[in-house]
Amino acid sequence: SFDNGHYIPRQHNATRFHELNCHSQCGRCNAFEGGRMDMHAIYIDELYGEGTAGKLRALSRTTKRLGHYELIGIGYHYEIKAKQLAKEKGIKL
């Protein structure tokens, strides 16, 4: 099975829903191996460019309070993206 693996742990609100921080990850690595942060950092830098993992680490140290309406907006944003992806792949939701 696969999980949504976070490079920076979810308790850091500034990066919790950041698309560069979340990737498909095998359940074992995510749950039992601490997310394999070392390998995840390499993957992020290869995928998005050198230094991206470092930028995410820096962003995670900032304070961000997610309000009720912001969380609703994030949910709506991903609902639209899921529908678009399902349509592209011919998947019925």
N, C-alpha and C. Protein backbone atom coordinates (compact mmCIF):
# COMPACT_ATOMS: atom_id res chain seq x y z
N SER A 1 0.84 -1.19 0.00
CA SER A 1 0.00 0.00 0.00
C SER A 1 0.88 1.25 0.00
N PHE A 2 0.29 2.34 -0.43
CA PHE A 2 1.02 3.59 -0.48
C PHE A 2 0.34 4.63 0.40
N ASP A 3 1.16 5.48 1.00
CA ASP A 3 0.70 6.56 1.86
C ASP A 3 1.07 7.89 1.23
N ASN A 4 0.48 8.95 1.79
CA ASN A 4 0.93 10.30 1.46
C ASN A 4 2.08 10.60 2.42
N GLY A 5 3.30 10.48 1.92
CA GLY A 5 4.48 10.71 2.75
C GLY A 5 4.84 12.18 2.78
N HIS A 6 5.04 12.70 3.96
CA HIS A 6 5.46 14.09 4.15
C HIS A 6 6.97 14.11 4.41
N TYR A 7 7.70 14.91 3.65
CA TYR A 7 9.13 15.08 3.92
C TYR A 7 9.29 15.78 5.27
N ILE A 8 8.66 16.93 5.41
CA ILE A 8 8.63 17.63 6.69
C ILE A 8 7.39 17.11 7.42
N PRO A 9 7.52 16.66 8.67
CA PRO A 9 6.37 16.09 9.39
C PRO A 9 5.16 17.02 9.43
N ARG A 10 3.99 16.40 9.53
CA ARG A 10 2.72 17.13 9.46
C ARG A 10 2.51 18.17 10.54
N GLN A 11 3.18 18.08 11.65
CA GLN A 11 2.94 19.05 12.73
C GLN A 11 3.41 20.46 12.36
N HIS A 12 4.18 20.58 11.29
CA HIS A 12 4.63 21.90 10.82
C HIS A 12 3.61 22.44 9.83
N ASN A 13 2.74 23.34 10.31
CA ASN A 13 1.62 23.83 9.50
C ASN A 13 2.05 24.53 8.21
N ALA A 14 3.20 25.18 8.21
CA ALA A 14 3.63 25.93 7.02
C ALA A 14 3.90 25.02 5.83
N THR A 15 4.21 23.75 6.09
CA THR A 15 4.51 22.82 5.00
C THR A 15 3.56 21.62 4.95
N ARG A 16 2.62 21.55 5.85
CA ARG A 16 1.74 20.37 5.95
C ARG A 16 1.02 20.07 4.63
N PHE A 17 0.49 21.08 3.96
CA PHE A 17 -0.25 20.88 2.72
C PHE A 17 0.53 21.36 1.50
N HIS A 18 1.80 21.66 1.67
CA HIS A 18 2.63 22.14 0.56
C HIS A 18 2.85 21.00 -0.42
N GLU A 19 2.53 21.25 -1.69
CA GLU A 19 2.58 20.17 -2.68
C GLU A 19 3.98 19.62 -2.91
N LEU A 20 5.01 20.39 -2.65
CA LEU A 20 6.37 19.89 -2.83
C LEU A 20 6.80 19.02 -1.64
N ASN A 21 6.03 19.05 -0.56
CA ASN A 21 6.35 18.30 0.64
C ASN A 21 5.66 16.94 0.70
N CYS A 22 4.65 16.72 -0.13
CA CYS A 22 3.83 15.51 -0.06
C CYS A 22 4.01 14.65 -1.30
N HIS A 23 4.34 13.38 -1.08
CA HIS A 23 4.56 12.46 -2.19
C HIS A 23 4.07 11.06 -1.82
N SER A 24 3.76 10.28 -2.83
CA SER A 24 3.38 8.89 -2.61
C SER A 24 4.59 8.15 -2.03
N GLN A 25 4.35 7.39 -0.97
CA GLN A 25 5.43 6.69 -0.30
C GLN A 25 4.91 5.35 0.19
N CYS A 26 5.73 4.32 0.11
CA CYS A 26 5.27 3.01 0.58
C CYS A 26 4.95 3.09 2.08
N GLY A 27 3.92 2.34 2.46
CA GLY A 27 3.46 2.37 3.84
C GLY A 27 4.53 2.01 4.85
N ARG A 28 5.37 1.06 4.51
CA ARG A 28 6.43 0.63 5.43
C ARG A 28 7.42 1.76 5.69
N CYS A 29 7.89 2.40 4.61
CA CYS A 29 8.86 3.50 4.77
C CYS A 29 8.24 4.65 5.56
N ASN A 30 6.97 4.95 5.26
CA ASN A 30 6.32 6.09 5.89
C ASN A 30 6.03 5.83 7.37
N ALA A 31 5.50 4.64 7.68
CA ALA A 31 5.06 4.36 9.04
C ALA A 31 6.15 3.82 9.95
N PHE A 32 7.03 2.99 9.41
CA PHE A 32 7.97 2.29 10.27
C PHE A 32 9.42 2.75 10.13
N GLU A 33 9.70 3.54 9.10
CA GLU A 33 11.08 4.01 8.90
C GLU A 33 11.17 5.53 8.95
N GLY A 34 10.21 6.15 9.63
CA GLY A 34 10.26 7.59 9.84
C GLY A 34 10.17 8.42 8.58
N GLY A 35 9.63 7.85 7.52
CA GLY A 35 9.49 8.59 6.27
C GLY A 35 10.73 8.63 5.42
N ARG A 36 11.82 8.00 5.89
CA ARG A 36 13.09 7.99 5.14
C ARG A 36 13.45 9.39 4.65
N MET A 37 13.53 10.33 5.60
CA MET A 37 13.75 11.73 5.26
C MET A 37 14.99 11.95 4.39
N ASP A 38 16.02 11.18 4.61
CA ASP A 38 17.24 11.33 3.82
C ASP A 38 16.98 11.06 2.35
N MET A 39 16.28 9.96 2.06
CA MET A 39 15.96 9.60 0.69
C MET A 39 14.90 10.54 0.11
N HIS A 40 13.98 10.96 0.95
CA HIS A 40 12.93 11.86 0.50
C HIS A 40 13.54 13.20 0.07
N ALA A 41 14.53 13.69 0.80
CA ALA A 41 15.20 14.95 0.46
C ALA A 41 15.89 14.84 -0.90
N ILE A 42 16.55 13.74 -1.14
CA ILE A 42 17.23 13.53 -2.43
C ILE A 42 16.20 13.52 -3.56
N TYR A 43 15.09 12.81 -3.34
CA TYR A 43 14.03 12.72 -4.34
C TYR A 43 13.47 14.12 -4.66
N ILE A 44 13.20 14.90 -3.62
CA ILE A 44 12.65 16.25 -3.81
C ILE A 44 13.61 17.12 -4.61
N ASP A 45 14.89 17.08 -4.28
CA ASP A 45 15.87 17.89 -5.01
C ASP A 45 16.01 17.43 -6.45
N GLU A 46 15.93 16.13 -6.70
CA GLU A 46 16.00 15.63 -8.07
C GLU A 46 14.77 16.03 -8.87
N LEU A 47 13.63 16.02 -8.23
CA LEU A 47 12.36 16.29 -8.90
C LEU A 47 12.14 17.79 -9.15
N TYR A 48 12.46 18.63 -8.16
CA TYR A 48 12.12 20.05 -8.24
C TYR A 48 13.33 20.98 -8.34
N GLY A 49 14.52 20.43 -8.23
CA GLY A 49 15.72 21.25 -8.33
C GLY A 49 16.50 21.29 -7.03
N GLU A 50 17.81 21.36 -7.20
CA GLU A 50 18.74 21.40 -6.06
C GLU A 50 18.36 22.50 -5.08
N GLY A 51 18.30 22.14 -3.80
CA GLY A 51 18.01 23.12 -2.76
C GLY A 51 16.56 23.20 -2.35
N THR A 52 15.67 22.49 -3.06
CA THR A 52 14.25 22.56 -2.73
C THR A 52 13.97 21.98 -1.35
N ALA A 53 14.61 20.87 -1.00
CA ALA A 53 14.40 20.27 0.32
C ALA A 53 14.84 21.25 1.42
N GLY A 54 15.94 21.94 1.18
CA GLY A 54 16.41 22.94 2.15
C GLY A 54 15.43 24.09 2.31
N LYS A 55 14.82 24.51 1.21
CA LYS A 55 13.81 25.58 1.27
C LYS A 55 12.59 25.12 2.06
N LEU A 56 12.21 23.87 1.88
CA LEU A 56 11.09 23.34 2.66
C LEU A 56 11.42 23.29 4.15
N ARG A 57 12.66 22.88 4.47
CA ARG A 57 13.08 22.87 5.88
C ARG A 57 13.01 24.27 6.47
N ALA A 58 13.48 25.26 5.72
CA ALA A 58 13.44 26.65 6.21
C ALA A 58 11.99 27.11 6.39
N LEU A 59 11.14 26.80 5.44
CA LEU A 59 9.73 27.19 5.52
C LEU A 59 9.06 26.53 6.72
N SER A 60 9.45 25.30 7.03
CA SER A 60 8.82 24.58 8.15
C SER A 60 9.11 25.26 9.49
N ARG A 61 10.14 26.07 9.55
CA ARG A 61 10.50 26.75 10.81
C ARG A 61 9.72 28.04 11.01
N THR A 62 8.90 28.41 10.03
CA THR A 62 8.08 29.61 10.17
C THR A 62 6.76 29.23 10.84
N THR A 63 6.09 30.23 11.36
CA THR A 63 4.82 30.01 12.04
C THR A 63 3.68 30.30 11.08
N LYS A 64 2.75 29.37 11.00
CA LYS A 64 1.57 29.56 10.17
C LYS A 64 0.39 28.93 10.88
N ARG A 65 -0.60 29.75 11.15
CA ARG A 65 -1.82 29.26 11.78
C ARG A 65 -2.86 29.09 10.69
N LEU A 66 -3.38 27.88 10.56
CA LEU A 66 -4.39 27.59 9.55
C LEU A 66 -5.77 27.81 10.15
N GLY A 67 -6.48 28.79 9.62
CA GLY A 67 -7.82 29.08 10.10
C GLY A 67 -8.86 28.20 9.45
N HIS A 68 -10.06 28.27 9.97
CA HIS A 68 -11.17 27.45 9.49
C HIS A 68 -11.40 27.63 8.00
N TYR A 69 -11.49 28.86 7.54
CA TYR A 69 -11.79 29.12 6.13
C TYR A 69 -10.62 28.74 5.22
N GLU A 70 -9.41 28.87 5.72
CA GLU A 70 -8.25 28.46 4.93
C GLU A 70 -8.26 26.94 4.74
N LEU A 71 -8.59 26.19 5.78
CA LEU A 71 -8.67 24.73 5.67
C LEU A 71 -9.79 24.31 4.71
N ILE A 72 -10.91 25.01 4.75
CA ILE A 72 -11.99 24.72 3.81
C ILE A 72 -11.51 24.99 2.38
N GLY A 73 -10.79 26.09 2.19
CA GLY A 73 -10.26 26.42 0.87
C GLY A 73 -9.27 25.38 0.36
N ILE A 74 -8.42 24.88 1.24
CA ILE A 74 -7.46 23.83 0.86
C ILE A 74 -8.22 22.58 0.44
N GLY A 75 -9.24 22.20 1.20
CA GLY A 75 -10.05 21.03 0.85
C GLY A 75 -10.73 21.20 -0.49
N TYR A 76 -11.28 22.37 -0.74
CA TYR A 76 -11.94 22.65 -2.01
C TYR A 76 -10.94 22.58 -3.17
N HIS A 77 -9.76 23.16 -2.97
CA HIS A 77 -8.71 23.15 -3.99
C HIS A 77 -8.37 21.72 -4.41
N TYR A 78 -8.20 20.83 -3.43
CA TYR A 78 -7.83 19.45 -3.75
C TYR A 78 -9.01 18.63 -4.26
N GLU A 79 -10.21 19.01 -3.90
CA GLU A 79 -11.39 18.35 -4.47
C GLU A 79 -11.45 18.62 -5.98
N ILE A 80 -11.20 19.86 -6.37
CA ILE A 80 -11.19 20.22 -7.79
C ILE A 80 -10.06 19.49 -8.51
N LYS A 81 -8.87 19.48 -7.92
CA LYS A 81 -7.74 18.78 -8.54
C LYS A 81 -8.00 17.29 -8.70
N ALA A 82 -8.64 16.67 -7.70
CA ALA A 82 -8.96 15.24 -7.78
C ALA A 82 -9.94 14.97 -8.91
N LYS A 83 -10.93 15.84 -9.07
CA LYS A 83 -11.91 15.66 -10.14
C LYS A 83 -11.25 15.83 -11.51
N GLN A 84 -10.36 16.81 -11.63
CA GLN A 84 -9.65 17.01 -12.90
C GLN A 84 -8.78 15.79 -13.24
N LEU A 85 -8.07 15.29 -12.25
CA LEU A 85 -7.21 14.12 -12.47
C LEU A 85 -8.03 12.88 -12.82
N ALA A 86 -9.14 12.70 -12.13
CA ALA A 86 -10.02 11.56 -12.43
C ALA A 86 -10.54 11.64 -13.85
N LYS A 87 -10.92 12.84 -14.26
CA LYS A 87 -11.40 13.02 -15.64
C LYS A 87 -10.32 12.69 -16.65
N GLU A 88 -9.09 13.18 -16.41
CA GLU A 88 -7.96 12.90 -17.30
C GLU A 88 -7.66 11.40 -17.41
N LYS A 89 -7.79 10.70 -16.28
CA LYS A 89 -7.46 9.26 -16.24
C LYS A 89 -8.66 8.37 -16.54
N GLY A 90 -9.84 8.98 -16.71
CA GLY A 90 -11.02 8.18 -16.98
C GLY A 90 -11.50 7.39 -15.77
N ILE A 91 -11.31 7.95 -14.60
CA ILE A 91 -11.69 7.30 -13.35
C ILE A 91 -12.97 7.95 -12.84
N LYS A 92 -13.92 7.13 -12.41
CA LYS A 92 -15.16 7.67 -11.86
C LYS A 92 -15.03 7.84 -10.35
N LEU A 93 -15.32 9.03 -9.88
CA LEU A 93 -15.26 9.30 -8.43
C LEU A 93 -16.62 9.11 -7.80
